[in-house]
Amino acid sequence: MDREKIKTVIGGAAAGAVLAAVVGFGWGGWVTGSKAETMAADGAVEAVVARLAPICVSQYGSDPEKMRKHEALMAIKSWNRAEYVAEQGWATMVGEENADSRVSRRCAEMISELKS
């Protein structure tokens, strides 16, 4: 066998592998295993928040003092509204002791968009 031909074939294969990896990870949507796990966990959290925030808004809607509390909520700076929602207990789900901060934040955003 000719050593130069073998070197050329091995070099071409290595260059092809590098090119495939660059294209795959750069434009092909390939991700590492740990990145995939992170993306899956983030997606699961987002799905739970999306499911619980409307329940929080419903609990706000059942509050007999919601009109007064809506005015108080709107008077608070937007970055502090989640804390107010949590304090009211609207974002605390059945069986939980405390509200999830992400649910409180999303709930506050949703309530803020409601007409008083």
N, C-alpha and C. Protein backbone atom coordinates (compact mmCIF):
# COMPACT_ATOMS: atom_id res chain seq x y z
N MET A 1 0.83 -1.17 0.00
CA MET A 1 0.00 0.00 0.00
C MET A 1 0.88 1.24 0.00
N ASP A 2 0.37 2.23 -0.64
CA ASP A 2 1.09 3.49 -0.75
C ASP A 2 0.79 4.36 0.46
N ARG A 3 1.81 4.75 1.21
CA ARG A 3 1.63 5.55 2.42
C ARG A 3 1.01 6.90 2.12
N GLU A 4 1.33 7.51 1.02
CA GLU A 4 0.78 8.82 0.67
C GLU A 4 -0.73 8.73 0.45
N LYS A 5 -1.19 7.67 -0.19
CA LYS A 5 -2.63 7.48 -0.42
C LYS A 5 -3.36 7.29 0.92
N ILE A 6 -2.74 6.53 1.81
CA ILE A 6 -3.35 6.28 3.12
C ILE A 6 -3.42 7.60 3.90
N LYS A 7 -2.35 8.38 3.87
CA LYS A 7 -2.36 9.68 4.55
C LYS A 7 -3.43 10.59 3.98
N THR A 8 -3.60 10.59 2.67
CA THR A 8 -4.61 11.42 2.01
C THR A 8 -6.01 10.98 2.42
N VAL A 9 -6.25 9.70 2.44
CA VAL A 9 -7.58 9.18 2.81
C VAL A 9 -7.87 9.50 4.29
N ILE A 10 -6.92 9.28 5.17
CA ILE A 10 -7.13 9.56 6.59
C ILE A 10 -7.31 11.05 6.81
N GLY A 11 -6.51 11.87 6.13
CA GLY A 11 -6.65 13.33 6.25
C GLY A 11 -8.01 13.80 5.75
N GLY A 12 -8.46 13.23 4.64
CA GLY A 12 -9.79 13.59 4.11
C GLY A 12 -10.90 13.18 5.04
N ALA A 13 -10.77 12.00 5.63
CA ALA A 13 -11.78 11.53 6.58
C ALA A 13 -11.82 12.43 7.82
N ALA A 14 -10.66 12.80 8.31
CA ALA A 14 -10.60 13.68 9.49
C ALA A 14 -11.20 15.04 9.17
N ALA A 15 -10.84 15.59 8.00
CA ALA A 15 -11.39 16.89 7.60
C ALA A 15 -12.91 16.80 7.42
N GLY A 16 -13.38 15.70 6.87
CA GLY A 16 -14.82 15.51 6.70
C GLY A 16 -15.54 15.41 8.04
N ALA A 17 -14.92 14.73 9.00
CA ALA A 17 -15.52 14.61 10.33
C ALA A 17 -15.59 15.97 11.01
N VAL A 18 -14.52 16.75 10.90
CA VAL A 18 -14.52 18.09 11.50
C VAL A 18 -15.57 18.96 10.83
N LEU A 19 -15.63 18.91 9.51
CA LEU A 19 -16.62 19.70 8.77
C LEU A 19 -18.04 19.29 9.16
N ALA A 20 -18.29 17.99 9.27
CA ALA A 20 -19.62 17.51 9.66
C ALA A 20 -19.98 18.00 11.06
N ALA A 21 -19.03 17.99 11.98
CA ALA A 21 -19.29 18.45 13.35
C ALA A 21 -19.57 19.94 13.37
N VAL A 22 -18.78 20.71 12.62
CA VAL A 22 -18.99 22.16 12.58
C VAL A 22 -20.36 22.48 12.01
N VAL A 23 -20.71 21.86 10.90
CA VAL A 23 -22.01 22.11 10.27
C VAL A 23 -23.14 21.60 11.17
N GLY A 24 -22.98 20.42 11.74
CA GLY A 24 -24.03 19.84 12.59
C GLY A 24 -24.32 20.66 13.83
N PHE A 25 -23.27 21.02 14.56
CA PHE A 25 -23.46 21.80 15.79
C PHE A 25 -23.78 23.26 15.50
N GLY A 26 -23.21 23.79 14.41
CA GLY A 26 -23.41 25.21 14.10
C GLY A 26 -24.76 25.50 13.47
N TRP A 27 -25.15 24.68 12.50
CA TRP A 27 -26.38 24.98 11.76
C TRP A 27 -27.39 23.84 11.77
N GLY A 28 -26.95 22.65 12.13
CA GLY A 28 -27.82 21.49 12.03
C GLY A 28 -28.69 21.23 13.24
N GLY A 29 -28.49 21.99 14.30
CA GLY A 29 -29.31 21.80 15.48
C GLY A 29 -28.83 20.72 16.42
N TRP A 30 -27.64 20.19 16.19
CA TRP A 30 -27.11 19.19 17.09
C TRP A 30 -26.78 19.85 18.43
N VAL A 31 -26.97 19.13 19.52
CA VAL A 31 -26.61 19.61 20.84
C VAL A 31 -25.95 18.47 21.61
N THR A 32 -25.21 18.84 22.63
CA THR A 32 -24.59 17.83 23.48
C THR A 32 -25.65 17.23 24.40
N GLY A 33 -25.32 16.13 25.02
CA GLY A 33 -26.27 15.48 25.93
C GLY A 33 -26.65 16.38 27.10
N SER A 34 -25.67 17.07 27.67
CA SER A 34 -25.98 17.94 28.81
C SER A 34 -26.84 19.13 28.38
N LYS A 35 -26.60 19.65 27.19
CA LYS A 35 -27.42 20.75 26.67
C LYS A 35 -28.86 20.27 26.45
N ALA A 36 -29.01 19.06 25.93
CA ALA A 36 -30.34 18.50 25.72
C ALA A 36 -31.08 18.32 27.04
N GLU A 37 -30.37 17.86 28.06
CA GLU A 37 -30.98 17.71 29.39
C GLU A 37 -31.42 19.06 29.95
N THR A 38 -30.58 20.07 29.80
CA THR A 38 -30.92 21.42 30.27
C THR A 38 -32.14 21.95 29.53
N MET A 39 -32.17 21.75 28.22
CA MET A 39 -33.30 22.23 27.42
C MET A 39 -34.59 21.51 27.83
N ALA A 40 -34.50 20.21 28.10
CA ALA A 40 -35.68 19.45 28.52
C ALA A 40 -36.18 19.92 29.88
N ALA A 41 -35.25 20.15 30.81
CA ALA A 41 -35.65 20.61 32.15
C ALA A 41 -36.28 22.00 32.07
N ASP A 42 -35.69 22.89 31.27
CA ASP A 42 -36.26 24.23 31.11
C ASP A 42 -37.65 24.16 30.49
N GLY A 43 -37.82 23.29 29.52
CA GLY A 43 -39.13 23.13 28.89
C GLY A 43 -40.17 22.60 29.86
N ALA A 44 -39.76 21.68 30.72
CA ALA A 44 -40.69 21.13 31.71
C ALA A 44 -41.12 22.20 32.71
N VAL A 45 -40.17 23.01 33.16
CA VAL A 45 -40.50 24.08 34.09
C VAL A 45 -41.46 25.07 33.44
N GLU A 46 -41.17 25.44 32.21
CA GLU A 46 -42.03 26.39 31.49
C GLU A 46 -43.44 25.83 31.31
N ALA A 47 -43.54 24.54 31.05
CA ALA A 47 -44.86 23.92 30.89
C ALA A 47 -45.65 23.95 32.20
N VAL A 48 -44.97 23.71 33.30
CA VAL A 48 -45.64 23.74 34.61
C VAL A 48 -46.09 25.16 34.93
N VAL A 49 -45.23 26.14 34.69
CA VAL A 49 -45.59 27.54 34.94
C VAL A 49 -46.77 27.95 34.07
N ALA A 50 -46.74 27.55 32.80
CA ALA A 50 -47.84 27.88 31.89
C ALA A 50 -49.15 27.26 32.35
N ARG A 51 -49.08 26.14 33.02
CA ARG A 51 -50.28 25.46 33.50
C ARG A 51 -50.79 26.05 34.81
N LEU A 52 -49.87 26.48 35.69
CA LEU A 52 -50.27 26.95 37.02
C LEU A 52 -50.62 28.44 37.05
N ALA A 53 -50.04 29.23 36.19
CA ALA A 53 -50.32 30.68 36.22
C ALA A 53 -51.80 31.00 36.01
N PRO A 54 -52.51 30.33 35.09
CA PRO A 54 -53.94 30.62 34.97
C PRO A 54 -54.74 30.23 36.22
N ILE A 55 -54.27 29.23 36.95
CA ILE A 55 -54.93 28.86 38.21
C ILE A 55 -54.74 30.00 39.21
N CYS A 56 -53.55 30.57 39.22
CA CYS A 56 -53.28 31.73 40.08
C CYS A 56 -54.21 32.88 39.74
N VAL A 57 -54.38 33.15 38.45
CA VAL A 57 -55.27 34.23 38.02
C VAL A 57 -56.71 33.93 38.44
N SER A 58 -57.10 32.68 38.37
CA SER A 58 -58.44 32.28 38.81
C SER A 58 -58.61 32.50 40.31
N GLN A 59 -57.57 32.20 41.08
CA GLN A 59 -57.63 32.43 42.53
C GLN A 59 -57.70 33.92 42.83
N TYR A 60 -57.01 34.71 42.03
CA TYR A 60 -57.14 36.17 42.16
C TYR A 60 -58.58 36.58 41.88
N GLY A 61 -59.18 36.01 40.84
CA GLY A 61 -60.55 36.35 40.47
C GLY A 61 -61.56 36.00 41.53
N SER A 62 -61.24 35.02 42.38
CA SER A 62 -62.15 34.61 43.46
C SER A 62 -61.97 35.44 44.73
N ASP A 63 -60.96 36.27 44.76
CA ASP A 63 -60.69 37.09 45.94
C ASP A 63 -61.76 38.18 46.03
N PRO A 64 -62.50 38.26 47.16
CA PRO A 64 -63.55 39.26 47.28
C PRO A 64 -63.03 40.70 47.26
N GLU A 65 -61.76 40.89 47.52
CA GLU A 65 -61.18 42.23 47.51
C GLU A 65 -60.32 42.47 46.27
N LYS A 66 -60.61 41.75 45.20
CA LYS A 66 -59.73 41.81 44.02
C LYS A 66 -59.63 43.21 43.41
N MET A 67 -60.68 43.99 43.45
CA MET A 67 -60.62 45.33 42.86
C MET A 67 -59.61 46.21 43.60
N ARG A 68 -59.69 46.19 44.91
CA ARG A 68 -58.76 46.98 45.72
C ARG A 68 -57.34 46.45 45.55
N LYS A 69 -57.21 45.14 45.55
CA LYS A 69 -55.89 44.54 45.43
C LYS A 69 -55.30 44.74 44.03
N HIS A 70 -56.17 44.81 43.02
CA HIS A 70 -55.67 45.07 41.67
C HIS A 70 -55.07 46.47 41.60
N GLU A 71 -55.75 47.43 42.21
CA GLU A 71 -55.22 48.79 42.25
C GLU A 71 -53.88 48.83 42.99
N ALA A 72 -53.81 48.10 44.10
CA ALA A 72 -52.56 48.05 44.87
C ALA A 72 -51.45 47.40 44.03
N LEU A 73 -51.79 46.35 43.31
CA LEU A 73 -50.81 45.67 42.46
C LEU A 73 -50.29 46.60 41.38
N MET A 74 -51.18 47.33 40.77
CA MET A 74 -50.78 48.22 39.68
C MET A 74 -49.95 49.42 40.19
N ALA A 75 -50.07 49.74 41.47
CA ALA A 75 -49.29 50.83 42.04
C ALA A 75 -47.86 50.41 42.36
N ILE A 76 -47.62 49.11 42.35
CA ILE A 76 -46.29 48.57 42.66
C ILE A 76 -45.46 48.52 41.38
N LYS A 77 -44.17 48.75 41.49
CA LYS A 77 -43.27 48.63 40.35
C LYS A 77 -43.37 47.21 39.80
N SER A 78 -43.29 47.06 38.49
CA SER A 78 -43.52 45.77 37.84
C SER A 78 -42.60 44.66 38.36
N TRP A 79 -41.36 45.00 38.73
CA TRP A 79 -40.44 43.96 39.19
C TRP A 79 -40.73 43.50 40.61
N ASN A 80 -41.64 44.17 41.33
CA ASN A 80 -42.02 43.75 42.68
C ASN A 80 -43.41 43.13 42.74
N ARG A 81 -44.09 43.05 41.62
CA ARG A 81 -45.46 42.54 41.63
C ARG A 81 -45.56 41.06 41.97
N ALA A 82 -44.58 40.29 41.56
CA ALA A 82 -44.61 38.84 41.85
C ALA A 82 -44.63 38.60 43.36
N GLU A 83 -43.88 39.38 44.09
CA GLU A 83 -43.84 39.24 45.54
C GLU A 83 -45.22 39.54 46.14
N TYR A 84 -45.89 40.57 45.63
CA TYR A 84 -47.23 40.92 46.11
C TYR A 84 -48.20 39.78 45.83
N VAL A 85 -48.13 39.22 44.63
CA VAL A 85 -49.02 38.10 44.27
C VAL A 85 -48.79 36.92 45.21
N ALA A 86 -47.53 36.62 45.49
CA ALA A 86 -47.21 35.51 46.40
C ALA A 86 -47.75 35.78 47.80
N GLU A 87 -47.61 37.02 48.27
CA GLU A 87 -48.10 37.38 49.61
C GLU A 87 -49.62 37.23 49.72
N GLN A 88 -50.33 37.45 48.62
CA GLN A 88 -51.79 37.32 48.64
C GLN A 88 -52.23 35.86 48.67
N GLY A 89 -51.31 34.95 48.36
CA GLY A 89 -51.63 33.52 48.37
C GLY A 89 -52.22 33.02 47.06
N TRP A 90 -52.34 33.87 46.07
CA TRP A 90 -52.94 33.45 44.80
C TRP A 90 -52.08 32.43 44.06
N ALA A 91 -50.77 32.53 44.22
CA ALA A 91 -49.86 31.64 43.50
C ALA A 91 -49.48 30.40 44.30
N THR A 92 -50.03 30.26 45.49
CA THR A 92 -49.78 29.07 46.29
C THR A 92 -50.79 28.01 45.91
N MET A 93 -50.31 26.90 45.42
CA MET A 93 -51.18 25.84 44.94
C MET A 93 -51.57 24.90 46.08
N VAL A 94 -52.65 24.20 45.91
CA VAL A 94 -53.14 23.26 46.91
C VAL A 94 -52.03 22.25 47.23
N GLY A 95 -51.78 22.06 48.49
CA GLY A 95 -50.76 21.12 48.93
C GLY A 95 -49.37 21.72 49.05
N GLU A 96 -49.21 22.94 48.65
CA GLU A 96 -47.91 23.62 48.73
C GLU A 96 -47.92 24.60 49.90
N GLU A 97 -46.76 24.81 50.48
CA GLU A 97 -46.65 25.77 51.56
C GLU A 97 -46.33 27.16 51.06
N ASN A 98 -45.59 27.24 49.96
CA ASN A 98 -45.16 28.52 49.42
C ASN A 98 -45.44 28.59 47.93
N ALA A 99 -45.51 29.80 47.45
CA ALA A 99 -45.71 30.01 46.02
C ALA A 99 -44.38 29.87 45.28
N ASP A 100 -44.44 29.38 44.07
CA ASP A 100 -43.27 29.32 43.21
C ASP A 100 -43.05 30.71 42.62
N SER A 101 -41.83 31.20 42.66
CA SER A 101 -41.56 32.57 42.20
C SER A 101 -41.86 32.74 40.71
N ARG A 102 -41.63 31.69 39.92
CA ARG A 102 -41.90 31.81 38.48
C ARG A 102 -43.40 31.89 38.20
N VAL A 103 -44.18 31.13 38.97
CA VAL A 103 -45.64 31.17 38.82
C VAL A 103 -46.13 32.55 39.27
N SER A 104 -45.60 33.05 40.38
CA SER A 104 -46.00 34.38 40.86
C SER A 104 -45.69 35.45 39.83
N ARG A 105 -44.53 35.35 39.21
CA ARG A 105 -44.13 36.35 38.22
C ARG A 105 -45.06 36.32 37.01
N ARG A 106 -45.32 35.12 36.50
CA ARG A 106 -46.20 35.00 35.33
C ARG A 106 -47.62 35.43 35.68
N CYS A 107 -48.08 35.06 36.86
CA CYS A 107 -49.42 35.43 37.32
C CYS A 107 -49.53 36.95 37.42
N ALA A 108 -48.52 37.59 38.00
CA ALA A 108 -48.54 39.05 38.12
C ALA A 108 -48.61 39.70 36.74
N GLU A 109 -47.89 39.16 35.78
CA GLU A 109 -47.95 39.69 34.42
C GLU A 109 -49.36 39.55 33.84
N MET A 110 -49.96 38.39 34.06
CA MET A 110 -51.29 38.14 33.52
C MET A 110 -52.34 39.03 34.19
N ILE A 111 -52.25 39.18 35.50
CA ILE A 111 -53.21 40.03 36.22
C ILE A 111 -53.03 41.48 35.80
N SER A 112 -51.80 41.89 35.59
CA SER A 112 -51.52 43.28 35.18
C SER A 112 -52.17 43.60 33.83
N GLU A 113 -52.34 42.61 33.00
CA GLU A 113 -52.94 42.82 31.69
C GLU A 113 -54.46 42.87 31.74
N LEU A 114 -55.05 42.46 32.88
CA LEU A 114 -56.51 42.47 33.02
C LEU A 114 -57.02 43.89 33.24
N LYS A 115 -58.20 44.12 32.78
CA LYS A 115 -58.87 45.39 33.10
C LYS A 115 -59.38 45.30 34.53
N SER A 116 -59.23 46.36 35.29
CA SER A 116 -59.65 46.33 36.70
C SER A 116 -61.15 46.28 36.86
